[in-house]
Amino acid sequence: MKNEQITFRQSLFWDVDPKTIDIEKNARYIIERILDFGDDNEVRWMWNRYNHALIRDVVDRSRGLFPATRSFWNLMLST
């Protein structure tokens, strides 16, 4: 996977300093936030950055996703 840098919006990660987020170690956390609150660019970045099986696993297993988010991504990932 690429080692590109991304600057996360503070409003996306309101509970932590976005500069301290490790895109590998915190992958599940990042994916959850982007699935729930990400804009088009952040979703595109996530889709290109992370393995789709990991994204699917987060959708299936996360206890933190909004129900509407889970339903939407289940539909999107079923194609």
PDB file of N, CA and C in Angstrom:
ATOM      1  N   MET A   1       0.832  -1.188   0.000  1.00  0.00           N
ATOM      2  CA  MET A   1       0.000   0.000   0.000  1.00  0.00           C
ATOM      3  C   MET A   1       0.873   1.248   0.000  1.00  0.00           C
ATOM      4  N   LYS A   2       0.286   2.305  -0.458  1.00  0.00           N
ATOM      5  CA  LYS A   2       1.031   3.549  -0.601  1.00  0.00           C
ATOM      6  C   LYS A   2       1.321   4.187   0.761  1.00  0.00           C
ATOM      7  N   ASN A   3       2.375   4.991   0.818  1.00  0.00           N
ATOM      8  CA  ASN A   3       2.723   5.715   2.039  1.00  0.00           C
ATOM      9  C   ASN A   3       2.390   7.192   1.914  1.00  0.00           C
ATOM     10  N   GLU A   4       1.294   7.503   1.257  1.00  0.00           N
ATOM     11  CA  GLU A   4       0.923   8.895   1.061  1.00  0.00           C
ATOM     12  C   GLU A   4       0.484   9.529   2.372  1.00  0.00           C
ATOM     13  N   GLN A   5       0.613  10.824   2.425  1.00  0.00           N
ATOM     14  CA  GLN A   5       0.182  11.588   3.586  1.00  0.00           C
ATOM     15  C   GLN A   5      -1.215  12.119   3.334  1.00  0.00           C
ATOM     16  N   ILE A   6      -2.000  12.174   4.362  1.00  0.00           N
ATOM     17  CA  ILE A   6      -3.311  12.795   4.281  1.00  0.00           C
ATOM     18  C   ILE A   6      -3.472  13.658   5.513  1.00  0.00           C
ATOM     19  N   THR A   7      -4.092  14.781   5.325  1.00  0.00           N
ATOM     20  CA  THR A   7      -4.410  15.658   6.440  1.00  0.00           C
ATOM     21  C   THR A   7      -5.883  15.457   6.753  1.00  0.00           C
ATOM     22  N   PHE A   8      -6.150  14.932   7.935  1.00  0.00           N
ATOM     23  CA  PHE A   8      -7.527  14.681   8.330  1.00  0.00           C
ATOM     24  C   PHE A   8      -8.163  15.944   8.896  1.00  0.00           C
ATOM     25  N   ARG A   9      -9.442  16.119   8.628  1.00  0.00           N
ATOM     26  CA  ARG A   9     -10.191  17.245   9.192  1.00  0.00           C
ATOM     27  C   ARG A   9     -10.374  17.035  10.695  1.00  0.00           C
ATOM     28  N   GLN A  10     -10.231  18.107  11.447  1.00  0.00           N
ATOM     29  CA  GLN A  10     -10.463  18.028  12.889  1.00  0.00           C
ATOM     30  C   GLN A  10     -11.909  17.615  13.172  1.00  0.00           C
ATOM     31  N   SER A  11     -12.851  18.060  12.341  1.00  0.00           N
ATOM     32  CA  SER A  11     -14.250  17.717  12.577  1.00  0.00           C
ATOM     33  C   SER A  11     -14.530  16.232  12.349  1.00  0.00           C
ATOM     34  N   LEU A  12     -13.685  15.549  11.601  1.00  0.00           N
ATOM     35  CA  LEU A  12     -13.836  14.118  11.390  1.00  0.00           C
ATOM     36  C   LEU A  12     -13.311  13.331  12.590  1.00  0.00           C
ATOM     37  N   PHE A  13     -12.274  13.849  13.207  1.00  0.00           N
ATOM     38  CA  PHE A  13     -11.652  13.204  14.368  1.00  0.00           C
ATOM     39  C   PHE A  13     -11.637  14.190  15.528  1.00  0.00           C
ATOM     40  N   TRP A  14     -12.826  14.564  15.981  1.00  0.00           N
ATOM     41  CA  TRP A  14     -12.989  15.581  17.002  1.00  0.00           C
ATOM     42  C   TRP A  14     -12.447  15.174  18.362  1.00  0.00           C
ATOM     43  N   ASP A  15     -12.284  13.881  18.596  1.00  0.00           N
ATOM     44  CA  ASP A  15     -11.890  13.405  19.916  1.00  0.00           C
ATOM     45  C   ASP A  15     -10.393  13.135  20.053  1.00  0.00           C
ATOM     46  N   VAL A  16      -9.640  13.329  18.966  1.00  0.00           N
ATOM     47  CA  VAL A  16      -8.190  13.134  19.007  1.00  0.00           C
ATOM     48  C   VAL A  16      -7.521  14.204  18.151  1.00  0.00           C
ATOM     49  N   ASP A  17      -6.215  14.322  18.296  1.00  0.00           N
ATOM     50  CA  ASP A  17      -5.441  15.214  17.432  1.00  0.00           C
ATOM     51  C   ASP A  17      -5.214  14.459  16.122  1.00  0.00           C
ATOM     52  N   PRO A  18      -5.784  14.943  15.011  1.00  0.00           N
ATOM     53  CA  PRO A  18      -5.645  14.217  13.741  1.00  0.00           C
ATOM     54  C   PRO A  18      -4.195  13.977  13.322  1.00  0.00           C
ATOM     55  N   LYS A  19      -3.278  14.808  13.789  1.00  0.00           N
ATOM     56  CA  LYS A  19      -1.864  14.642  13.421  1.00  0.00           C
ATOM     57  C   LYS A  19      -1.242  13.409  14.066  1.00  0.00           C
ATOM     58  N   THR A  20      -1.871  12.876  15.102  1.00  0.00           N
ATOM     59  CA  THR A  20      -1.311  11.732  15.817  1.00  0.00           C
ATOM     60  C   THR A  20      -1.869  10.399  15.332  1.00  0.00           C
ATOM     61  N   ILE A  21      -2.759  10.427  14.361  1.00  0.00           N
ATOM     62  CA  ILE A  21      -3.379   9.202  13.881  1.00  0.00           C
ATOM     63  C   ILE A  21      -2.420   8.463  12.947  1.00  0.00           C
ATOM     64  N   ASP A  22      -2.203   7.200  13.229  1.00  0.00           N
ATOM     65  CA  ASP A  22      -1.375   6.330  12.395  1.00  0.00           C
ATOM     66  C   ASP A  22      -2.307   5.591  11.439  1.00  0.00           C
ATOM     67  N   ILE A  23      -2.130   5.780  10.125  1.00  0.00           N
ATOM     68  CA  ILE A  23      -3.084   5.217   9.167  1.00  0.00           C
ATOM     69  C   ILE A  23      -3.053   3.693   9.107  1.00  0.00           C
ATOM     70  N   GLU A  24      -2.010   3.079   9.621  1.00  0.00           N
ATOM     71  CA  GLU A  24      -1.969   1.617   9.672  1.00  0.00           C
ATOM     72  C   GLU A  24      -2.528   1.105  10.999  1.00  0.00           C
ATOM     73  N   LYS A  25      -1.985   1.596  12.105  1.00  0.00           N
ATOM     74  CA  LYS A  25      -2.409   1.126  13.427  1.00  0.00           C
ATOM     75  C   LYS A  25      -3.851   1.478  13.737  1.00  0.00           C
ATOM     76  N   ASN A  26      -4.320   2.598  13.236  1.00  0.00           N
ATOM     77  CA  ASN A  26      -5.666   3.076  13.529  1.00  0.00           C
ATOM     78  C   ASN A  26      -6.615   2.900  12.340  1.00  0.00           C
ATOM     79  N   ALA A  27      -6.338   1.924  11.490  1.00  0.00           N
ATOM     80  CA  ALA A  27      -7.107   1.744  10.255  1.00  0.00           C
ATOM     81  C   ALA A  27      -8.604   1.562  10.523  1.00  0.00           C
ATOM     82  N   ARG A  28      -8.956   0.719  11.451  1.00  0.00           N
ATOM     83  CA  ARG A  28     -10.382   0.475  11.732  1.00  0.00           C
ATOM     84  C   ARG A  28     -11.075   1.743  12.216  1.00  0.00           C
ATOM     85  N   TYR A  29     -10.437   2.466  13.088  1.00  0.00           N
ATOM     86  CA  TYR A  29     -10.978   3.724  13.605  1.00  0.00           C
ATOM     87  C   TYR A  29     -11.177   4.721  12.465  1.00  0.00           C
ATOM     88  N   ILE A  30     -10.184   4.844  11.608  1.00  0.00           N
ATOM     89  CA  ILE A  30     -10.258   5.767  10.469  1.00  0.00           C
ATOM     90  C   ILE A  30     -11.394   5.355   9.539  1.00  0.00           C
ATOM     91  N   ILE A  31     -11.475   4.080   9.220  1.00  0.00           N
ATOM     92  CA  ILE A  31     -12.519   3.599   8.318  1.00  0.00           C
ATOM     93  C   ILE A  31     -13.900   3.870   8.905  1.00  0.00           C
ATOM     94  N   GLU A  32     -14.083   3.592  10.187  1.00  0.00           N
ATOM     95  CA  GLU A  32     -15.380   3.859  10.822  1.00  0.00           C
ATOM     96  C   GLU A  32     -15.774   5.323  10.688  1.00  0.00           C
ATOM     97  N   ARG A  33     -14.850   6.205  11.005  1.00  0.00           N
ATOM     98  CA  ARG A  33     -15.159   7.631  10.947  1.00  0.00           C
ATOM     99  C   ARG A  33     -15.472   8.086   9.532  1.00  0.00           C
ATOM    100  N   ILE A  34     -14.687   7.608   8.581  1.00  0.00           N
ATOM    101  CA  ILE A  34     -14.928   8.008   7.191  1.00  0.00           C
ATOM    102  C   ILE A  34     -16.249   7.433   6.690  1.00  0.00           C
ATOM    103  N   LEU A  35     -16.568   6.189   7.050  1.00  0.00           N
ATOM    104  CA  LEU A  35     -17.844   5.620   6.636  1.00  0.00           C
ATOM    105  C   LEU A  35     -19.011   6.430   7.190  1.00  0.00           C
ATOM    106  N   ASP A  36     -18.928   6.846   8.438  1.00  0.00           N
ATOM    107  CA  ASP A  36     -20.014   7.599   9.069  1.00  0.00           C
ATOM    108  C   ASP A  36     -20.039   9.076   8.678  1.00  0.00           C
ATOM    109  N   PHE A  37     -18.870   9.714   8.595  1.00  0.00           N
ATOM    110  CA  PHE A  37     -18.839  11.173   8.488  1.00  0.00           C
ATOM    111  C   PHE A  37     -18.000  11.719   7.345  1.00  0.00           C
ATOM    112  N   GLY A  38     -17.367  10.851   6.561  1.00  0.00           N
ATOM    113  CA  GLY A  38     -16.433  11.310   5.535  1.00  0.00           C
ATOM    114  C   GLY A  38     -17.101  11.986   4.355  1.00  0.00           C
ATOM    115  N   ASP A  39     -16.356  12.906   3.748  1.00  0.00           N
ATOM    116  CA  ASP A  39     -16.833  13.535   2.518  1.00  0.00           C
ATOM    117  C   ASP A  39     -16.367  12.686   1.327  1.00  0.00           C
ATOM    118  N   ASP A  40     -16.717  13.111   0.132  1.00  0.00           N
ATOM    119  CA  ASP A  40     -16.383  12.329  -1.066  1.00  0.00           C
ATOM    120  C   ASP A  40     -14.887  12.054  -1.188  1.00  0.00           C
ATOM    121  N   ASN A  41     -14.074  13.069  -0.933  1.00  0.00           N
ATOM    122  CA  ASN A  41     -12.619  12.899  -1.057  1.00  0.00           C
ATOM    123  C   ASN A  41     -12.079  11.914  -0.033  1.00  0.00           C
ATOM    124  N   GLU A  42     -12.591  11.967   1.186  1.00  0.00           N
ATOM    125  CA  GLU A  42     -12.131  11.055   2.234  1.00  0.00           C
ATOM    126  C   GLU A  42     -12.556   9.613   1.937  1.00  0.00           C
ATOM    127  N   VAL A  43     -13.771   9.441   1.438  1.00  0.00           N
ATOM    128  CA  VAL A  43     -14.237   8.096   1.077  1.00  0.00           C
ATOM    129  C   VAL A  43     -13.392   7.555  -0.073  1.00  0.00           C
ATOM    130  N   ARG A  44     -13.116   8.371  -1.059  1.00  0.00           N
ATOM    131  CA  ARG A  44     -12.277   7.957  -2.192  1.00  0.00           C
ATOM    132  C   ARG A  44     -10.884   7.559  -1.700  1.00  0.00           C
ATOM    133  N   TRP A  45     -10.316   8.378  -0.802  1.00  0.00           N
ATOM    134  CA  TRP A  45      -8.996   8.070  -0.247  1.00  0.00           C
ATOM    135  C   TRP A  45      -9.040   6.728   0.484  1.00  0.00           C
ATOM    136  N   MET A  46     -10.045   6.532   1.339  1.00  0.00           N
ATOM    137  CA  MET A  46     -10.181   5.285   2.101  1.00  0.00           C
ATOM    138  C   MET A  46     -10.293   4.095   1.147  1.00  0.00           C
ATOM    139  N   TRP A  47     -11.113   4.225   0.119  1.00  0.00           N
ATOM    140  CA  TRP A  47     -11.344   3.134  -0.829  1.00  0.00           C
ATOM    141  C   TRP A  47     -10.060   2.741  -1.549  1.00  0.00           C
ATOM    142  N   ASN A  48      -9.240   3.742  -1.873  1.00  0.00           N
ATOM    143  CA  ASN A  48      -7.979   3.476  -2.561  1.00  0.00           C
ATOM    144  C   ASN A  48      -6.857   3.051  -1.624  1.00  0.00           C
ATOM    145  N   ARG A  49      -6.974   3.381  -0.366  1.00  0.00           N
ATOM    146  CA  ARG A  49      -5.908   3.148   0.610  1.00  0.00           C
ATOM    147  C   ARG A  49      -5.999   1.795   1.288  1.00  0.00           C
ATOM    148  N   TYR A  50      -7.211   1.396   1.645  1.00  0.00           N
ATOM    149  CA  TYR A  50      -7.379   0.188   2.447  1.00  0.00           C
ATOM    150  C   TYR A  50      -7.936  -0.966   1.615  1.00  0.00           C
ATOM    151  N   ASN A  51      -7.555  -2.162   2.026  1.00  0.00           N
ATOM    152  CA  ASN A  51      -8.048  -3.376   1.410  1.00  0.00           C
ATOM    153  C   ASN A  51      -9.569  -3.416   1.557  1.00  0.00           C
ATOM    154  N   HIS A  52     -10.266  -3.765   0.492  1.00  0.00           N
ATOM    155  CA  HIS A  52     -11.727  -3.775   0.526  1.00  0.00           C
ATOM    156  C   HIS A  52     -12.266  -4.822   1.493  1.00  0.00           C
ATOM    157  N   ALA A  53     -11.516  -5.894   1.715  1.00  0.00           N
ATOM    158  CA  ALA A  53     -11.926  -6.901   2.700  1.00  0.00           C
ATOM    159  C   ALA A  53     -11.916  -6.309   4.111  1.00  0.00           C
ATOM    160  N   LEU A  54     -10.962  -5.430   4.394  1.00  0.00           N
ATOM    161  CA  LEU A  54     -10.916  -4.761   5.699  1.00  0.00           C
ATOM    162  C   LEU A  54     -12.111  -3.819   5.850  1.00  0.00           C
ATOM    163  N   ILE A  55     -12.424  -3.071   4.806  1.00  0.00           N
ATOM    164  CA  ILE A  55     -13.582  -2.168   4.855  1.00  0.00           C
ATOM    165  C   ILE A  55     -14.847  -2.983   5.094  1.00  0.00           C
ATOM    166  N   ARG A  56     -14.995  -4.085   4.382  1.00  0.00           N
ATOM    167  CA  ARG A  56     -16.156  -4.972   4.554  1.00  0.00           C
ATOM    168  C   ARG A  56     -16.219  -5.489   5.988  1.00  0.00           C
ATOM    169  N   ASP A  57     -15.073  -5.881   6.546  1.00  0.00           N
ATOM    170  CA  ASP A  57     -15.025  -6.384   7.913  1.00  0.00           C
ATOM    171  C   ASP A  57     -15.449  -5.309   8.913  1.00  0.00           C
ATOM    172  N   VAL A  58     -15.015  -4.088   8.695  1.00  0.00           N
ATOM    173  CA  VAL A  58     -15.421  -2.983   9.578  1.00  0.00           C
ATOM    174  C   VAL A  58     -16.934  -2.788   9.492  1.00  0.00           C
ATOM    175  N   VAL A  59     -17.481  -2.802   8.283  1.00  0.00           N
ATOM    176  CA  VAL A  59     -18.937  -2.655   8.125  1.00  0.00           C
ATOM    177  C   VAL A  59     -19.663  -3.785   8.850  1.00  0.00           C
ATOM    178  N   ASP A  60     -19.162  -4.993   8.739  1.00  0.00           N
ATOM    179  CA  ASP A  60     -19.821  -6.155   9.351  1.00  0.00           C
ATOM    180  C   ASP A  60     -19.685  -6.205  10.862  1.00  0.00           C
ATOM    181  N   ARG A  61     -18.545  -5.780  11.404  1.00  0.00           N
ATOM    182  CA  ARG A  61     -18.257  -6.012  12.817  1.00  0.00           C
ATOM    183  C   ARG A  61     -18.296  -4.790  13.725  1.00  0.00           C
ATOM    184  N   SER A  62     -18.204  -3.606  13.163  1.00  0.00           N
ATOM    185  CA  SER A  62     -18.109  -2.415  14.008  1.00  0.00           C
ATOM    186  C   SER A  62     -19.378  -2.220  14.830  1.00  0.00           C
ATOM    187  N   ARG A  63     -19.186  -1.943  16.088  1.00  0.00           N
ATOM    188  CA  ARG A  63     -20.314  -1.629  16.968  1.00  0.00           C
ATOM    189  C   ARG A  63     -20.597  -0.129  16.977  1.00  0.00           C
ATOM    190  N   GLY A  64     -19.694   0.637  16.361  1.00  0.00           N
ATOM    191  CA  GLY A  64     -19.831   2.087  16.417  1.00  0.00           C
ATOM    192  C   GLY A  64     -20.501   2.730  15.225  1.00  0.00           C
ATOM    193  N   LEU A  65     -20.713   1.982  14.141  1.00  0.00           N
ATOM    194  CA  LEU A  65     -21.325   2.576  12.959  1.00  0.00           C
ATOM    195  C   LEU A  65     -22.804   2.849  13.192  1.00  0.00           C
ATOM    196  N   PHE A  66     -23.278   3.942  12.618  1.00  0.00           N
ATOM    197  CA  PHE A  66     -24.710   4.216  12.651  1.00  0.00           C
ATOM    198  C   PHE A  66     -25.432   3.146  11.833  1.00  0.00           C
ATOM    199  N   PRO A  67     -26.624   2.740  12.242  1.00  0.00           N
ATOM    200  CA  PRO A  67     -27.371   1.727  11.478  1.00  0.00           C
ATOM    201  C   PRO A  67     -27.578   2.124  10.007  1.00  0.00           C
ATOM    202  N   ALA A  68     -27.865   3.376   9.745  1.00  0.00           N
ATOM    203  CA  ALA A  68     -28.056   3.826   8.360  1.00  0.00           C
ATOM    204  C   ALA A  68     -26.755   3.709   7.575  1.00  0.00           C
ATOM    205  N   THR A  69     -25.634   3.990   8.226  1.00  0.00           N
ATOM    206  CA  THR A  69     -24.330   3.854   7.569  1.00  0.00           C
ATOM    207  C   THR A  69     -24.084   2.403   7.217  1.00  0.00           C
ATOM    208  N   ARG A  70     -24.331   1.515   8.154  1.00  0.00           N
ATOM    209  CA  ARG A  70     -24.121   0.081   7.917  1.00  0.00           C
ATOM    210  C   ARG A  70     -24.993  -0.392   6.750  1.00  0.00           C
ATOM    211  N   SER A  71     -26.260   0.006   6.733  1.00  0.00           N
ATOM    212  CA  SER A  71     -27.162  -0.398   5.650  1.00  0.00           C
ATOM    213  C   SER A  71     -26.672   0.104   4.304  1.00  0.00           C
ATOM    214  N   PHE A  72     -26.279   1.375   4.258  1.00  0.00           N
ATOM    215  CA  PHE A  72     -25.788   1.962   3.014  1.00  0.00           C
ATOM    216  C   PHE A  72     -24.562   1.206   2.498  1.00  0.00           C
ATOM    217  N   TRP A  73     -23.582   0.998   3.372  1.00  0.00           N
ATOM    218  CA  TRP A  73     -22.345   0.348   2.927  1.00  0.00           C
ATOM    219  C   TRP A  73     -22.554  -1.133   2.626  1.00  0.00           C
ATOM    220  N   ASN A  74     -23.497  -1.777   3.288  1.00  0.00           N
ATOM    221  CA  ASN A  74     -23.830  -3.153   2.911  1.00  0.00           C
ATOM    222  C   ASN A  74     -24.345  -3.193   1.472  1.00  0.00           C
ATOM    223  N   LEU A  75     -25.184  -2.239   1.116  1.00  0.00           N
ATOM    224  CA  LEU A  75     -25.667  -2.153  -0.269  1.00  0.00           C
ATOM    225  C   LEU A  75     -24.528  -1.858  -1.238  1.00  0.00           C
ATOM    226  N   MET A  76     -23.677  -0.904  -0.886  1.00  0.00           N
ATOM    227  CA  MET A  76     -22.581  -0.504  -1.774  1.00  0.00           C
ATOM    228  C   MET A  76     -21.578  -1.633  -1.972  1.00  0.00           C
ATOM    229  N   LEU A  77     -21.316  -2.395  -0.937  1.00  0.00           N
ATOM    230  CA  LEU A  77     -20.321  -3.454  -1.006  1.00  0.00           C
ATOM    231  C   LEU A  77     -20.863  -4.758  -1.572  1.00  0.00           C
ATOM    232  N   SER A  78     -22.164  -4.840  -1.762  1.00  0.00           N
ATOM    233  CA  SER A  78     -22.746  -6.061  -2.287  1.00  0.00           C
ATOM    234  C   SER A  78     -22.682  -6.152  -3.803  1.00  0.00           C
ATOM    235  N   THR A  79     -22.273  -5.074  -4.454  1.00  0.00           N
ATOM    236  CA  THR A  79     -22.221  -5.075  -5.922  1.00  0.00           C
ATOM    237  C   THR A  79     -20.898  -5.582  -6.426  1.00  0.00           C
TER     238      THR A  79
END
